[in-house]
Amino acid sequence: MNYILPLLSVLFGYGIALILKPKKKSNLKLLLAFSGSFLLSLTVIHLLPEVYESHNSTIGIFIMLGILFQIILEFFSKGAEHGHVHGHDTMTHIPWLLFTSLCIHALLEGLPVNHHNGLALGIAVHHLPIAIILTTFFINARLNKKAILFFMLVFAIMTPLGTLLANYLQVLNAYYTEITAVVIGILFHISSTIIFESSEGHKFNIAKVSMIILGIGLAYFI
């Protein structure tokens, strides 16, 4: 399931955008709010205590490096990791900077999954609305259908690939705590940004708050 869930969530999101063509942004924003809350809660409740149990005095530095690295990635992805894509200009080819940064982000997310089974579900929930939004964006930009399929397929396999690499490469296991701390920083930045960006004008919204509470509750019991 660690390999299958993140893979299927992207493909499922791609299928939803392709077949159903969802138009209500409010529903996607609620799904984003839930996914951001769920991912942040998993990070705080499960990942964070584990890395600090190692008594490694540099853990905080690695977490901050993860946040900084994600900020750098977003200069190229324009925030696609948290559903922040704009514009409908016609595309004649795959946006390679967006593609590369998104794939690096997804690959890194997969590295700690083997040690935290619940994280696979969290990433799957996180990737579902992102896949819907990205596919819809590419369709509206009239990107070639084969290019869209290629983009989403590669994006779908990157997180399972990260999990596979962490499972078989001893060098990654040797630095598991430090790598996990970097991923925590990435997830901190992504999930908190999703929560703050999922409402219009940062106004109080009972539906959004309900989704956030649901995400926290689900993460706690995993």
C-alpha atoms as a PDB file:
ATOM      1  CA  MET A   1       0.000   0.000   0.000  1.00  0.00           C
ATOM      2  CA  ASN A   2       2.934   2.342   0.613  1.00  0.00           C
ATOM      3  CA  TYR A   3       3.682   2.250  -3.101  1.00  0.00           C
ATOM      4  CA  ILE A   4       0.142   1.976  -4.453  1.00  0.00           C
ATOM      5  CA  LEU A   5      -1.722   4.750  -2.593  1.00  0.00           C
ATOM      6  CA  PRO A   6       0.360   7.760  -3.754  1.00  0.00           C
ATOM      7  CA  LEU A   7       0.449   6.337  -7.295  1.00  0.00           C
ATOM      8  CA  LEU A   8      -3.299   5.733  -7.542  1.00  0.00           C
ATOM      9  CA  SER A   9      -4.228   9.095  -6.011  1.00  0.00           C
ATOM     10  CA  VAL A  10      -2.514  11.003  -8.843  1.00  0.00           C
ATOM     11  CA  LEU A  11      -3.996   8.748 -11.515  1.00  0.00           C
ATOM     12  CA  PHE A  12      -7.426   9.016  -9.894  1.00  0.00           C
ATOM     13  CA  GLY A  13      -7.143  12.810  -9.783  1.00  0.00           C
ATOM     14  CA  TYR A  14      -6.092  12.824 -13.431  1.00  0.00           C
ATOM     15  CA  GLY A  15      -9.131  10.711 -14.303  1.00  0.00           C
ATOM     16  CA  ILE A  16     -11.507  12.950 -12.352  1.00  0.00           C
ATOM     17  CA  ALA A  17     -10.243  16.068 -14.153  1.00  0.00           C
ATOM     18  CA  LEU A  18     -10.368  14.353 -17.531  1.00  0.00           C
ATOM     19  CA  ILE A  19     -13.813  12.794 -17.226  1.00  0.00           C
ATOM     20  CA  LEU A  20     -15.803  14.888 -14.751  1.00  0.00           C
ATOM     21  CA  LYS A  21     -14.140  18.265 -15.491  1.00  0.00           C
ATOM     22  CA  PRO A  22     -14.940  19.717 -12.026  1.00  0.00           C
ATOM     23  CA  LYS A  23     -15.789  23.402 -12.163  1.00  0.00           C
ATOM     24  CA  LYS A  24     -16.559  24.265  -8.513  1.00  0.00           C
ATOM     25  CA  LYS A  25     -13.354  25.675  -7.042  1.00  0.00           C
ATOM     26  CA  SER A  26     -14.933  25.804  -3.577  1.00  0.00           C
ATOM     27  CA  ASN A  27     -15.112  21.997  -3.387  1.00  0.00           C
ATOM     28  CA  LEU A  28     -11.466  21.677  -4.408  1.00  0.00           C
ATOM     29  CA  LYS A  29     -10.474  24.265  -1.809  1.00  0.00           C
ATOM     30  CA  LEU A  30     -12.234  22.267   0.886  1.00  0.00           C
ATOM     31  CA  LEU A  31     -10.414  19.125  -0.261  1.00  0.00           C
ATOM     32  CA  LEU A  32      -7.157  21.080  -0.221  1.00  0.00           C
ATOM     33  CA  ALA A  33      -7.886  22.347   3.309  1.00  0.00           C
ATOM     34  CA  PHE A  34      -8.498  18.779   4.481  1.00  0.00           C
ATOM     35  CA  SER A  35      -5.370  17.466   2.768  1.00  0.00           C
ATOM     36  CA  GLY A  36      -3.207  20.273   4.178  1.00  0.00           C
ATOM     37  CA  SER A  37      -4.531  19.752   7.699  1.00  0.00           C
ATOM     38  CA  PHE A  38      -4.141  15.976   7.482  1.00  0.00           C
ATOM     39  CA  LEU A  39      -0.574  16.218   6.168  1.00  0.00           C
ATOM     40  CA  LEU A  40       0.459  18.841   8.735  1.00  0.00           C
ATOM     41  CA  SER A  41      -1.050  16.811  11.575  1.00  0.00           C
ATOM     42  CA  LEU A  42       0.732  13.630  10.452  1.00  0.00           C
ATOM     43  CA  THR A  43       3.982  15.588  10.376  1.00  0.00           C
ATOM     44  CA  VAL A  44       3.553  17.126  13.831  1.00  0.00           C
ATOM     45  CA  ILE A  45       2.034  14.107  15.589  1.00  0.00           C
ATOM     46  CA  HIS A  46       4.143  11.312  14.098  1.00  0.00           C
ATOM     47  CA  LEU A  47       7.234  12.482  12.180  1.00  0.00           C
ATOM     48  CA  LEU A  48       8.399  15.333  14.385  1.00  0.00           C
ATOM     49  CA  PRO A  49       8.548  13.430  17.710  1.00  0.00           C
ATOM     50  CA  GLU A  50      10.516  10.616  16.076  1.00  0.00           C
ATOM     51  CA  VAL A  51      13.305  12.789  14.691  1.00  0.00           C
ATOM     52  CA  TYR A  52      13.714  14.625  18.002  1.00  0.00           C
ATOM     53  CA  GLU A  53      13.935  11.308  19.857  1.00  0.00           C
ATOM     54  CA  SER A  54      17.246  10.791  18.056  1.00  0.00           C
ATOM     55  CA  HIS A  55      18.747  13.573  20.219  1.00  0.00           C
ATOM     56  CA  ASN A  56      20.498  14.942  17.159  1.00  0.00           C
ATOM     57  CA  SER A  57      21.256  18.590  17.907  1.00  0.00           C
ATOM     58  CA  THR A  58      21.171  19.515  14.199  1.00  0.00           C
ATOM     59  CA  ILE A  59      17.584  18.346  13.548  1.00  0.00           C
ATOM     60  CA  GLY A  60      16.201  21.883  13.680  1.00  0.00           C
ATOM     61  CA  ILE A  61      18.717  23.009  11.058  1.00  0.00           C
ATOM     62  CA  PHE A  62      17.671  20.211   8.695  1.00  0.00           C
ATOM     63  CA  ILE A  63      13.995  21.097   9.158  1.00  0.00           C
ATOM     64  CA  MET A  64      14.759  24.707   8.263  1.00  0.00           C
ATOM     65  CA  LEU A  65      16.777  23.521   5.252  1.00  0.00           C
ATOM     66  CA  GLY A  66      13.710  21.594   4.110  1.00  0.00           C
ATOM     67  CA  ILE A  67      11.566  24.722   4.352  1.00  0.00           C
ATOM     68  CA  LEU A  68      14.186  26.740   2.460  1.00  0.00           C
ATOM     69  CA  PHE A  69      14.558  24.050  -0.208  1.00  0.00           C
ATOM     70  CA  GLN A  70      10.788  23.972  -0.779  1.00  0.00           C
ATOM     71  CA  ILE A  71      10.725  27.766  -1.127  1.00  0.00           C
ATOM     72  CA  ILE A  72      13.439  27.479  -3.795  1.00  0.00           C
ATOM     73  CA  LEU A  73      11.498  24.738  -5.603  1.00  0.00           C
ATOM     74  CA  GLU A  74       8.446  26.983  -5.688  1.00  0.00           C
ATOM     75  CA  PHE A  75      10.328  29.641  -7.629  1.00  0.00           C
ATOM     76  CA  PHE A  76      10.218  27.135 -10.483  1.00  0.00           C
ATOM     77  CA  SER A  77       6.937  25.321  -9.795  1.00  0.00           C
ATOM     78  CA  LYS A  78       5.022  28.557  -9.060  1.00  0.00           C
ATOM     79  CA  GLY A  79       3.365  26.831  -6.097  1.00  0.00           C
ATOM     80  CA  ALA A  80       1.861  23.894  -7.996  1.00  0.00           C
ATOM     81  CA  GLU A  81       2.613  21.652  -4.976  1.00  0.00           C
ATOM     82  CA  HIS A  82      -0.228  23.319  -3.113  1.00  0.00           C
ATOM     83  CA  GLY A  83      -2.597  23.849  -6.027  1.00  0.00           C
ATOM     84  CA  HIS A  84      -1.455  27.372  -6.787  1.00  0.00           C
ATOM     85  CA  VAL A  85      -1.470  27.488 -10.591  1.00  0.00           C
ATOM     86  CA  HIS A  86      -2.706  30.403 -12.675  1.00  0.00           C
ATOM     87  CA  GLY A  87      -3.108  31.423 -16.264  1.00  0.00           C
ATOM     88  CA  HIS A  88      -4.588  29.701 -19.299  1.00  0.00           C
ATOM     89  CA  ASP A  89      -2.089  30.597 -21.985  1.00  0.00           C
ATOM     90  CA  THR A  90      -1.796  27.952 -24.657  1.00  0.00           C
ATOM     91  CA  MET A  91       1.121  25.569 -24.046  1.00  0.00           C
ATOM     92  CA  THR A  92       2.999  23.960 -26.902  1.00  0.00           C
ATOM     93  CA  HIS A  93       5.252  21.785 -24.715  1.00  0.00           C
ATOM     94  CA  ILE A  94       5.623  20.482 -21.178  1.00  0.00           C
ATOM     95  CA  PRO A  95       6.683  23.210 -18.687  1.00  0.00           C
ATOM     96  CA  TRP A  96       9.946  21.506 -17.767  1.00  0.00           C
ATOM     97  CA  LEU A  97      10.831  23.693 -14.778  1.00  0.00           C
ATOM     98  CA  LEU A  98       7.430  22.993 -13.235  1.00  0.00           C
ATOM     99  CA  PHE A  99       7.766  19.308 -14.106  1.00  0.00           C
ATOM    100  CA  THR A 100      11.255  18.943 -12.588  1.00  0.00           C
ATOM    101  CA  SER A 101      10.541  20.814  -9.358  1.00  0.00           C
ATOM    102  CA  LEU A 102       7.274  18.944  -8.818  1.00  0.00           C
ATOM    103  CA  CYS A 103       8.979  15.600  -9.388  1.00  0.00           C
ATOM    104  CA  ILE A 104      11.793  16.446  -6.935  1.00  0.00           C
ATOM    105  CA  HIS A 105       9.186  17.436  -4.360  1.00  0.00           C
ATOM    106  CA  ALA A 106       7.212  14.191  -4.845  1.00  0.00           C
ATOM    107  CA  LEU A 107      10.371  12.055  -4.767  1.00  0.00           C
ATOM    108  CA  LEU A 108      11.504  13.531  -1.448  1.00  0.00           C
ATOM    109  CA  GLU A 109       8.058  13.032   0.071  1.00  0.00           C
ATOM    110  CA  GLY A 110       8.372   9.302  -0.538  1.00  0.00           C
ATOM    111  CA  LEU A 111      11.649   8.813   1.362  1.00  0.00           C
ATOM    112  CA  PRO A 112      10.247   8.410   4.935  1.00  0.00           C
ATOM    113  CA  VAL A 113       7.130   6.446   3.900  1.00  0.00           C
ATOM    114  CA  ASN A 114       8.474   2.955   4.729  1.00  0.00           C
ATOM    115  CA  HIS A 115       8.944   4.014   8.354  1.00  0.00           C
ATOM    116  CA  HIS A 116       5.522   5.684   8.573  1.00  0.00           C
ATOM    117  CA  ASN A 117       2.731   3.818   6.808  1.00  0.00           C
ATOM    118  CA  GLY A 118       0.216   6.576   7.550  1.00  0.00           C
ATOM    119  CA  LEU A 119       2.336   9.008   5.570  1.00  0.00           C
ATOM    120  CA  ALA A 120       1.501   7.151   2.337  1.00  0.00           C
ATOM    121  CA  LEU A 121      -2.176   7.917   2.962  1.00  0.00           C
ATOM    122  CA  GLY A 122      -1.350  11.531   3.834  1.00  0.00           C
ATOM    123  CA  ILE A 123       0.613  12.025   0.618  1.00  0.00           C
ATOM    124  CA  ALA A 124      -2.156  10.325  -1.366  1.00  0.00           C
ATOM    125  CA  VAL A 125      -4.748  12.701   0.093  1.00  0.00           C
ATOM    126  CA  HIS A 126      -2.385  15.606  -0.623  1.00  0.00           C
ATOM    127  CA  HIS A 127      -1.738  14.582  -4.238  1.00  0.00           C
ATOM    128  CA  LEU A 128      -5.376  13.954  -5.209  1.00  0.00           C
ATOM    129  CA  PRO A 129      -6.557  17.593  -5.404  1.00  0.00           C
ATOM    130  CA  ILE A 130      -3.170  18.662  -6.807  1.00  0.00           C
ATOM    131  CA  ALA A 131      -3.560  16.151  -9.649  1.00  0.00           C
ATOM    132  CA  ILE A 132      -7.090  17.420 -10.376  1.00  0.00           C
ATOM    133  CA  ILE A 133      -5.973  21.059 -10.402  1.00  0.00           C
ATOM    134  CA  LEU A 134      -2.861  20.400 -12.515  1.00  0.00           C
ATOM    135  CA  THR A 135      -4.711  18.310 -15.089  1.00  0.00           C
ATOM    136  CA  THR A 136      -7.491  20.887 -15.348  1.00  0.00           C
ATOM    137  CA  PHE A 137      -4.893  23.639 -15.753  1.00  0.00           C
ATOM    138  CA  PHE A 138      -3.109  21.766 -18.562  1.00  0.00           C
ATOM    139  CA  ILE A 139      -6.391  20.991 -20.328  1.00  0.00           C
ATOM    140  CA  ASN A 140      -7.407  24.653 -20.195  1.00  0.00           C
ATOM    141  CA  ALA A 141      -3.956  25.599 -21.488  1.00  0.00           C
ATOM    142  CA  ARG A 142      -4.530  23.181 -24.397  1.00  0.00           C
ATOM    143  CA  LEU A 143      -1.434  21.172 -23.702  1.00  0.00           C
ATOM    144  CA  ASN A 144      -1.178  18.054 -25.871  1.00  0.00           C
ATOM    145  CA  LYS A 145      -3.114  15.155 -24.296  1.00  0.00           C
ATOM    146  CA  LYS A 146      -0.137  12.816 -24.583  1.00  0.00           C
ATOM    147  CA  ALA A 147       2.065  15.391 -22.840  1.00  0.00           C
ATOM    148  CA  ILE A 148      -0.487  15.708 -20.022  1.00  0.00           C
ATOM    149  CA  LEU A 149      -0.598  11.933 -19.611  1.00  0.00           C
ATOM    150  CA  PHE A 150       3.217  11.731 -19.579  1.00  0.00           C
ATOM    151  CA  PHE A 151       3.457  14.535 -17.000  1.00  0.00           C
ATOM    152  CA  MET A 152       0.914  12.950 -14.662  1.00  0.00           C
ATOM    153  CA  LEU A 153       2.298   9.412 -15.029  1.00  0.00           C
ATOM    154  CA  VAL A 154       5.828  10.505 -14.117  1.00  0.00           C
ATOM    155  CA  PHE A 155       4.513  12.652 -11.270  1.00  0.00           C
ATOM    156  CA  ALA A 156       2.514   9.627 -10.027  1.00  0.00           C
ATOM    157  CA  ILE A 157       5.546   7.319  -9.841  1.00  0.00           C
ATOM    158  CA  MET A 158       7.935   9.758  -8.146  1.00  0.00           C
ATOM    159  CA  THR A 159       6.724   9.248  -4.564  1.00  0.00           C
ATOM    160  CA  PRO A 160       6.723   5.414  -4.847  1.00  0.00           C
ATOM    161  CA  LEU A 161      10.185   5.728  -6.439  1.00  0.00           C
ATOM    162  CA  GLY A 162      11.400   7.718  -3.420  1.00  0.00           C
ATOM    163  CA  THR A 163      10.028   5.007  -1.118  1.00  0.00           C
ATOM    164  CA  LEU A 164      11.743   2.319  -3.203  1.00  0.00           C
ATOM    165  CA  LEU A 165      15.091   4.135  -3.145  1.00  0.00           C
ATOM    166  CA  ALA A 166      14.903   4.616   0.630  1.00  0.00           C
ATOM    167  CA  ASN A 167      14.171   0.918   1.010  1.00  0.00           C
ATOM    168  CA  TYR A 168      17.119  -0.331  -1.032  1.00  0.00           C
ATOM    169  CA  LEU A 169      19.859   2.316  -0.831  1.00  0.00           C
ATOM    170  CA  GLN A 170      21.829   1.894   2.400  1.00  0.00           C
ATOM    171  CA  VAL A 171      23.252   5.420   2.190  1.00  0.00           C
ATOM    172  CA  LEU A 172      19.732   6.828   2.544  1.00  0.00           C
ATOM    173  CA  ASN A 173      19.062   4.631   5.571  1.00  0.00           C
ATOM    174  CA  ALA A 174      22.301   5.817   7.160  1.00  0.00           C
ATOM    175  CA  TYR A 175      21.036   9.397   7.048  1.00  0.00           C
ATOM    176  CA  TYR A 176      17.362   8.589   7.599  1.00  0.00           C
ATOM    177  CA  THR A 177      16.880  11.020  10.505  1.00  0.00           C
ATOM    178  CA  GLU A 178      18.427  13.971   8.661  1.00  0.00           C
ATOM    179  CA  ILE A 179      16.522  13.202   5.444  1.00  0.00           C
ATOM    180  CA  THR A 180      13.257  12.891   7.376  1.00  0.00           C
ATOM    181  CA  ALA A 181      13.933  16.247   9.036  1.00  0.00           C
ATOM    182  CA  VAL A 182      14.341  17.851   5.591  1.00  0.00           C
ATOM    183  CA  VAL A 183      11.068  16.244   4.457  1.00  0.00           C
ATOM    184  CA  ILE A 184       9.380  17.545   7.625  1.00  0.00           C
ATOM    185  CA  GLY A 185      10.447  21.063   6.640  1.00  0.00           C
ATOM    186  CA  ILE A 186       9.042  20.534   3.142  1.00  0.00           C
ATOM    187  CA  LEU A 187       5.744  19.205   4.511  1.00  0.00           C
ATOM    188  CA  PHE A 188       5.530  22.029   7.061  1.00  0.00           C
ATOM    189  CA  HIS A 189       5.782  24.627   4.336  1.00  0.00           C
ATOM    190  CA  ILE A 190       3.445  22.885   1.894  1.00  0.00           C
ATOM    191  CA  SER A 191       0.697  21.963   4.339  1.00  0.00           C
ATOM    192  CA  SER A 192       0.593  25.300   6.154  1.00  0.00           C
ATOM    193  CA  THR A 193       0.500  27.160   2.835  1.00  0.00           C
ATOM    194  CA  ILE A 194      -2.387  24.971   1.654  1.00  0.00           C
ATOM    195  CA  ILE A 195      -4.378  25.737   4.818  1.00  0.00           C
ATOM    196  CA  PHE A 196      -3.869  29.504   4.530  1.00  0.00           C
ATOM    197  CA  GLU A 197      -4.484  29.648   0.777  1.00  0.00           C
ATOM    198  CA  SER A 198      -7.630  27.522   0.747  1.00  0.00           C
ATOM    199  CA  SER A 199      -9.897  30.392   1.813  1.00  0.00           C
ATOM    200  CA  GLU A 200     -10.810  33.584   0.018  1.00  0.00           C
ATOM    201  CA  GLY A 201      -9.345  36.619   1.750  1.00  0.00           C
ATOM    202  CA  HIS A 202      -8.459  34.477   4.798  1.00  0.00           C
ATOM    203  CA  LYS A 203     -12.047  34.797   6.091  1.00  0.00           C
ATOM    204  CA  PHE A 204     -13.553  32.477   8.669  1.00  0.00           C
ATOM    205  CA  ASN A 205     -15.317  29.610   6.939  1.00  0.00           C
ATOM    206  CA  ILE A 206     -17.168  26.946   8.921  1.00  0.00           C
ATOM    207  CA  ALA A 207     -16.819  24.370   6.131  1.00  0.00           C
ATOM    208  CA  LYS A 208     -13.069  24.955   5.897  1.00  0.00           C
ATOM    209  CA  VAL A 209     -12.619  24.777   9.677  1.00  0.00           C
ATOM    210  CA  SER A 210     -14.614  21.531   9.724  1.00  0.00           C
ATOM    211  CA  MET A 211     -12.321  20.017   7.095  1.00  0.00           C
ATOM    212  CA  ILE A 212      -9.248  21.102   9.074  1.00  0.00           C
ATOM    213  CA  ILE A 213     -10.631  19.542  12.272  1.00  0.00           C
ATOM    214  CA  LEU A 214     -11.475  16.348  10.376  1.00  0.00           C
ATOM    215  CA  GLY A 215      -7.917  16.207   9.014  1.00  0.00           C
ATOM    216  CA  ILE A 216      -6.437  16.632  12.504  1.00  0.00           C
ATOM    217  CA  GLY A 217      -8.720  13.938  13.959  1.00  0.00           C
ATOM    218  CA  LEU A 218      -7.960  11.413  11.235  1.00  0.00           C
ATOM    219  CA  ALA A 219      -4.200  11.983  11.530  1.00  0.00           C
ATOM    220  CA  TYR A 220      -4.331  11.490  15.291  1.00  0.00           C
ATOM    221  CA  PHE A 221      -5.955   8.052  15.053  1.00  0.00           C
ATOM    222  CA  ILE A 222      -3.638   6.707  12.310  1.00  0.00           C
END
